[in-house]
Amino acid sequence: ASYCPERALALTKQAMELHVGDLDLQHVALDRLMLYLPDHTDAVARCGGGDLLKRIMTKHYPDRAIRRLCVQLLHALGDSVPSVPLTEFATKGALARSGGDAPIVELRVFDTDM
């Protein structure tokens, strides 16, 4: 049996899809996806790779390592980095300080050394 990187990538992305909320799995999977760059960039991008990375980044935005890996992978794929709206994890304090009138704010991630 010969090793097939395309199959390994497909299984990794499938696990990421099925367990989007599992932070530990996402850390390991993103680390593994990084190993496939630059030799298999097309395979990482195929079948919605960029969209999956954006969804993972949005879901786990408070985690710096997830943000950093997603940004690096998206840049490597030539894909855009999403604007991530501040949600409950970031707006709760602002709402309390403003009396409930905090404006909607979007963050744009540019720094890959997060």
N, C-alpha and C. Protein backbone atom coordinates (compact mmCIF):
# COMPACT_ATOMS: atom_id res chain seq x y z
N ALA A 1 0.84 -1.18 0.00
CA ALA A 1 0.00 0.00 0.00
C ALA A 1 0.89 1.24 0.00
N SER A 2 0.62 2.14 -0.92
CA SER A 2 1.41 3.37 -1.00
C SER A 2 0.65 4.52 -0.33
N TYR A 3 1.42 5.45 0.19
CA TYR A 3 0.87 6.61 0.87
C TYR A 3 0.28 7.57 -0.15
N CYS A 4 -0.91 8.05 0.12
CA CYS A 4 -1.58 8.99 -0.78
C CYS A 4 -1.91 10.27 0.01
N PRO A 5 -1.12 11.33 -0.22
CA PRO A 5 -1.37 12.57 0.51
C PRO A 5 -2.78 13.14 0.28
N GLU A 6 -3.31 12.96 -0.91
CA GLU A 6 -4.65 13.48 -1.20
C GLU A 6 -5.70 12.81 -0.31
N ARG A 7 -5.54 11.50 -0.11
CA ARG A 7 -6.49 10.78 0.75
C ARG A 7 -6.32 11.22 2.21
N ALA A 8 -5.09 11.38 2.65
CA ALA A 8 -4.84 11.83 4.02
C ALA A 8 -5.44 13.21 4.25
N LEU A 9 -5.29 14.10 3.28
CA LEU A 9 -5.87 15.44 3.39
C LEU A 9 -7.39 15.38 3.42
N ALA A 10 -7.97 14.54 2.58
CA ALA A 10 -9.43 14.41 2.55
C ALA A 10 -9.96 13.92 3.90
N LEU A 11 -9.27 12.95 4.50
CA LEU A 11 -9.69 12.44 5.81
C LEU A 11 -9.54 13.51 6.90
N THR A 12 -8.44 14.25 6.83
CA THR A 12 -8.22 15.32 7.81
C THR A 12 -9.32 16.37 7.71
N LYS A 13 -9.61 16.81 6.49
CA LYS A 13 -10.65 17.83 6.31
C LYS A 13 -12.03 17.30 6.70
N GLN A 14 -12.27 16.02 6.45
CA GLN A 14 -13.55 15.43 6.85
C GLN A 14 -13.69 15.43 8.37
N ALA A 15 -12.63 15.09 9.08
CA ALA A 15 -12.65 15.11 10.55
C ALA A 15 -12.88 16.54 11.05
N MET A 16 -12.25 17.51 10.40
CA MET A 16 -12.43 18.91 10.79
C MET A 16 -13.89 19.34 10.60
N GLU A 17 -14.49 18.92 9.50
CA GLU A 17 -15.90 19.25 9.21
C GLU A 17 -16.84 18.63 10.25
N LEU A 18 -16.59 17.37 10.57
CA LEU A 18 -17.48 16.65 11.47
C LEU A 18 -17.35 17.11 12.92
N HIS A 19 -16.21 17.70 13.26
CA HIS A 19 -15.95 18.09 14.64
C HIS A 19 -15.50 19.55 14.73
N VAL A 20 -16.24 20.42 14.07
CA VAL A 20 -15.88 21.84 14.02
C VAL A 20 -15.72 22.43 15.42
N GLY A 21 -16.51 22.02 16.36
CA GLY A 21 -16.46 22.57 17.70
C GLY A 21 -15.36 22.02 18.59
N ASP A 22 -14.66 21.00 18.15
CA ASP A 22 -13.62 20.37 18.96
C ASP A 22 -12.29 21.11 18.78
N LEU A 23 -11.97 21.96 19.73
CA LEU A 23 -10.79 22.82 19.64
C LEU A 23 -9.50 22.01 19.54
N ASP A 24 -9.38 20.96 20.34
CA ASP A 24 -8.15 20.15 20.32
C ASP A 24 -7.96 19.49 18.95
N LEU A 25 -9.03 18.95 18.39
CA LEU A 25 -8.93 18.34 17.06
C LEU A 25 -8.51 19.37 16.03
N GLN A 26 -9.07 20.57 16.10
CA GLN A 26 -8.74 21.62 15.13
C GLN A 26 -7.27 22.01 15.23
N HIS A 27 -6.73 22.09 16.45
CA HIS A 27 -5.31 22.41 16.61
C HIS A 27 -4.45 21.38 15.89
N VAL A 28 -4.71 20.11 16.14
CA VAL A 28 -3.92 19.04 15.54
C VAL A 28 -4.09 19.03 14.02
N ALA A 29 -5.33 19.15 13.56
CA ALA A 29 -5.60 19.10 12.13
C ALA A 29 -4.94 20.27 11.39
N LEU A 30 -5.02 21.47 11.95
CA LEU A 30 -4.38 22.63 11.30
C LEU A 30 -2.86 22.47 11.26
N ASP A 31 -2.29 21.94 12.33
CA ASP A 31 -0.84 21.65 12.33
C ASP A 31 -0.49 20.68 11.21
N ARG A 32 -1.33 19.67 11.03
CA ARG A 32 -1.07 18.67 9.98
C ARG A 32 -1.25 19.27 8.58
N LEU A 33 -2.25 20.13 8.42
CA LEU A 33 -2.42 20.77 7.11
C LEU A 33 -1.19 21.60 6.74
N MET A 34 -0.58 22.25 7.74
CA MET A 34 0.62 23.04 7.48
C MET A 34 1.75 22.17 6.91
N LEU A 35 1.79 20.91 7.32
CA LEU A 35 2.84 20.01 6.84
C LEU A 35 2.71 19.72 5.35
N TYR A 36 1.51 19.87 4.81
CA TYR A 36 1.28 19.58 3.39
C TYR A 36 1.64 20.75 2.47
N LEU A 37 1.90 21.89 3.07
CA LEU A 37 2.35 23.04 2.27
C LEU A 37 3.85 22.94 2.13
N PRO A 38 4.48 23.30 1.12
CA PRO A 38 4.01 23.82 -0.16
C PRO A 38 3.77 22.74 -1.22
N ASP A 39 4.07 21.48 -0.91
CA ASP A 39 3.99 20.43 -1.93
C ASP A 39 2.58 20.06 -2.37
N HIS A 40 1.60 20.26 -1.51
CA HIS A 40 0.23 19.83 -1.82
C HIS A 40 -0.78 20.95 -1.59
N THR A 41 -0.41 22.16 -1.91
CA THR A 41 -1.29 23.32 -1.69
C THR A 41 -2.62 23.15 -2.42
N ASP A 42 -2.58 22.65 -3.65
CA ASP A 42 -3.83 22.46 -4.40
C ASP A 42 -4.76 21.48 -3.71
N ALA A 43 -4.20 20.41 -3.15
CA ALA A 43 -5.02 19.42 -2.46
C ALA A 43 -5.63 20.00 -1.19
N VAL A 44 -4.90 20.87 -0.50
CA VAL A 44 -5.44 21.52 0.70
C VAL A 44 -6.60 22.42 0.31
N ALA A 45 -6.46 23.12 -0.80
CA ALA A 45 -7.49 24.06 -1.25
C ALA A 45 -8.73 23.37 -1.81
N ARG A 46 -8.56 22.20 -2.39
CA ARG A 46 -9.66 21.50 -3.03
C ARG A 46 -10.79 21.17 -2.06
N CYS A 47 -11.96 21.03 -2.59
CA CYS A 47 -13.15 20.62 -1.82
C CYS A 47 -13.46 21.55 -0.66
N GLY A 48 -13.37 22.83 -0.90
CA GLY A 48 -13.78 23.80 0.11
C GLY A 48 -12.79 24.03 1.22
N GLY A 49 -11.51 23.79 0.98
CA GLY A 49 -10.49 23.97 2.01
C GLY A 49 -10.48 25.38 2.60
N GLY A 50 -10.55 26.39 1.73
CA GLY A 50 -10.55 27.78 2.21
C GLY A 50 -11.78 28.10 3.02
N ASP A 51 -12.94 27.64 2.57
CA ASP A 51 -14.18 27.88 3.31
C ASP A 51 -14.16 27.20 4.67
N LEU A 52 -13.60 25.99 4.71
CA LEU A 52 -13.48 25.28 5.98
C LEU A 52 -12.58 26.04 6.95
N LEU A 53 -11.45 26.52 6.46
CA LEU A 53 -10.53 27.28 7.31
C LEU A 53 -11.20 28.54 7.85
N LYS A 54 -11.96 29.21 7.02
CA LYS A 54 -12.66 30.42 7.46
C LYS A 54 -13.70 30.10 8.54
N ARG A 55 -14.39 28.98 8.37
CA ARG A 55 -15.38 28.60 9.37
C ARG A 55 -14.72 28.23 10.70
N ILE A 56 -13.60 27.52 10.63
CA ILE A 56 -12.86 27.15 11.84
C ILE A 56 -12.35 28.41 12.53
N MET A 57 -11.79 29.33 11.75
CA MET A 57 -11.25 30.57 12.32
C MET A 57 -12.35 31.37 13.01
N THR A 58 -13.50 31.46 12.40
CA THR A 58 -14.61 32.21 12.97
C THR A 58 -15.14 31.52 14.23
N LYS A 59 -15.26 30.21 14.18
CA LYS A 59 -15.78 29.44 15.32
C LYS A 59 -14.87 29.56 16.54
N HIS A 60 -13.57 29.52 16.31
CA HIS A 60 -12.59 29.49 17.41
C HIS A 60 -11.76 30.77 17.44
N TYR A 61 -12.36 31.89 17.08
CA TYR A 61 -11.61 33.14 16.97
C TYR A 61 -10.84 33.53 18.24
N PRO A 62 -11.34 33.27 19.44
CA PRO A 62 -10.57 33.67 20.62
C PRO A 62 -9.22 32.95 20.77
N ASP A 63 -9.05 31.83 20.07
CA ASP A 63 -7.81 31.06 20.21
C ASP A 63 -6.75 31.59 19.24
N ARG A 64 -5.66 32.14 19.81
CA ARG A 64 -4.61 32.76 18.99
C ARG A 64 -3.95 31.77 18.04
N ALA A 65 -3.70 30.55 18.49
CA ALA A 65 -3.03 29.55 17.64
C ALA A 65 -3.92 29.19 16.44
N ILE A 66 -5.21 29.05 16.67
CA ILE A 66 -6.14 28.76 15.57
C ILE A 66 -6.12 29.91 14.57
N ARG A 67 -6.21 31.15 15.06
CA ARG A 67 -6.18 32.31 14.16
C ARG A 67 -4.90 32.32 13.34
N ARG A 68 -3.76 32.14 14.01
CA ARG A 68 -2.46 32.20 13.34
C ARG A 68 -2.36 31.13 12.25
N LEU A 69 -2.73 29.90 12.57
CA LEU A 69 -2.64 28.81 11.60
C LEU A 69 -3.60 29.03 10.43
N CYS A 70 -4.82 29.44 10.73
CA CYS A 70 -5.79 29.69 9.66
C CYS A 70 -5.32 30.80 8.73
N VAL A 71 -4.80 31.88 9.30
CA VAL A 71 -4.30 32.99 8.48
C VAL A 71 -3.14 32.52 7.60
N GLN A 72 -2.22 31.77 8.17
CA GLN A 72 -1.08 31.27 7.39
C GLN A 72 -1.55 30.36 6.26
N LEU A 73 -2.47 29.46 6.57
CA LEU A 73 -2.98 28.55 5.54
C LEU A 73 -3.75 29.30 4.46
N LEU A 74 -4.60 30.25 4.87
CA LEU A 74 -5.36 31.02 3.87
C LEU A 74 -4.43 31.81 2.96
N HIS A 75 -3.39 32.41 3.53
CA HIS A 75 -2.42 33.13 2.70
C HIS A 75 -1.73 32.18 1.73
N ALA A 76 -1.35 31.01 2.20
CA ALA A 76 -0.68 30.02 1.35
C ALA A 76 -1.59 29.56 0.21
N LEU A 77 -2.89 29.51 0.47
CA LEU A 77 -3.86 29.10 -0.55
C LEU A 77 -4.23 30.25 -1.48
N GLY A 78 -3.76 31.46 -1.15
CA GLY A 78 -4.13 32.62 -1.95
C GLY A 78 -5.57 33.05 -1.70
N ASP A 79 -6.09 32.69 -0.55
CA ASP A 79 -7.48 33.00 -0.21
C ASP A 79 -7.52 34.21 0.72
N SER A 80 -8.69 34.81 0.80
CA SER A 80 -8.84 36.00 1.65
C SER A 80 -9.03 35.59 3.10
N VAL A 81 -8.61 36.48 3.98
CA VAL A 81 -8.80 36.30 5.41
C VAL A 81 -10.10 37.01 5.77
N PRO A 82 -11.01 36.31 6.46
CA PRO A 82 -12.32 36.91 6.73
C PRO A 82 -12.27 38.02 7.77
N SER A 83 -13.20 38.94 7.65
CA SER A 83 -13.46 39.88 8.74
C SER A 83 -14.29 39.10 9.73
N VAL A 84 -13.89 39.12 10.98
CA VAL A 84 -14.59 38.34 11.99
C VAL A 84 -15.33 39.29 12.91
N PRO A 85 -16.67 39.26 12.91
CA PRO A 85 -17.42 40.15 13.79
C PRO A 85 -17.19 39.79 15.24
N LEU A 86 -17.10 40.80 16.06
CA LEU A 86 -17.01 40.54 17.50
C LEU A 86 -18.34 39.95 17.95
N THR A 87 -18.26 38.86 18.66
CA THR A 87 -19.48 38.20 19.14
C THR A 87 -19.47 38.22 20.65
N GLU A 88 -20.22 37.36 21.25
CA GLU A 88 -20.41 37.38 22.70
C GLU A 88 -19.09 37.38 23.47
N PHE A 89 -18.09 36.65 22.99
CA PHE A 89 -16.83 36.59 23.74
C PHE A 89 -16.13 37.94 23.81
N ALA A 90 -16.37 38.82 22.86
CA ALA A 90 -15.68 40.11 22.86
C ALA A 90 -16.60 41.28 23.17
N THR A 91 -17.88 41.14 22.91
CA THR A 91 -18.77 42.29 23.07
C THR A 91 -19.39 42.40 24.45
N LYS A 92 -19.38 41.33 25.21
CA LYS A 92 -20.02 41.36 26.52
C LYS A 92 -19.49 42.50 27.39
N GLY A 93 -18.16 42.64 27.45
CA GLY A 93 -17.56 43.72 28.24
C GLY A 93 -17.89 45.09 27.68
N ALA A 94 -17.86 45.23 26.37
CA ALA A 94 -18.16 46.52 25.73
C ALA A 94 -19.61 46.91 25.98
N LEU A 95 -20.51 45.94 25.91
CA LEU A 95 -21.92 46.24 26.17
C LEU A 95 -22.12 46.69 27.61
N ALA A 96 -21.44 46.04 28.54
CA ALA A 96 -21.58 46.41 29.94
C ALA A 96 -21.05 47.82 30.17
N ARG A 97 -19.91 48.15 29.55
CA ARG A 97 -19.31 49.48 29.74
C ARG A 97 -20.13 50.57 29.07
N SER A 98 -20.81 50.25 27.97
CA SER A 98 -21.52 51.28 27.22
C SER A 98 -23.00 51.38 27.59
N GLY A 99 -23.43 50.55 28.50
CA GLY A 99 -24.84 50.55 28.86
C GLY A 99 -25.70 49.86 27.82
N GLY A 100 -25.10 48.99 27.00
CA GLY A 100 -25.86 48.22 26.02
C GLY A 100 -25.89 48.83 24.63
N ASP A 101 -25.18 49.94 24.42
CA ASP A 101 -25.22 50.60 23.12
C ASP A 101 -23.90 50.48 22.35
N ALA A 102 -23.15 49.41 22.58
CA ALA A 102 -21.86 49.26 21.88
C ALA A 102 -22.11 49.05 20.39
N PRO A 103 -21.34 49.72 19.55
CA PRO A 103 -21.51 49.55 18.11
C PRO A 103 -21.02 48.18 17.66
N ILE A 104 -21.53 47.74 16.53
CA ILE A 104 -21.02 46.51 15.91
C ILE A 104 -19.63 46.82 15.38
N VAL A 105 -18.70 45.96 15.68
CA VAL A 105 -17.30 46.17 15.29
C VAL A 105 -16.82 44.94 14.57
N GLU A 106 -16.02 45.12 13.54
CA GLU A 106 -15.41 44.00 12.87
C GLU A 106 -13.91 44.07 13.06
N LEU A 107 -13.31 42.89 13.26
CA LEU A 107 -11.87 42.78 13.35
C LEU A 107 -11.35 42.24 12.03
N ARG A 108 -10.23 42.72 11.61
CA ARG A 108 -9.59 42.21 10.40
C ARG A 108 -8.21 41.74 10.82
N VAL A 109 -7.89 40.50 10.54
CA VAL A 109 -6.62 39.92 10.98
C VAL A 109 -5.60 40.07 9.87
N PHE A 110 -4.48 40.74 10.17
CA PHE A 110 -3.43 40.90 9.19
C PHE A 110 -2.13 40.28 9.66
N ASP A 111 -1.92 40.22 10.96
CA ASP A 111 -0.66 39.78 11.52
C ASP A 111 -0.69 38.25 11.67
N THR A 112 0.26 37.54 11.04
CA THR A 112 0.30 36.09 11.15
C THR A 112 1.10 35.62 12.35
N ASP A 113 1.67 36.56 13.13
CA ASP A 113 2.44 36.18 14.32
C ASP A 113 1.62 36.32 15.59
N MET A 114 0.36 35.96 15.53
CA MET A 114 -0.54 36.10 16.68
C MET A 114 -0.22 35.06 17.67
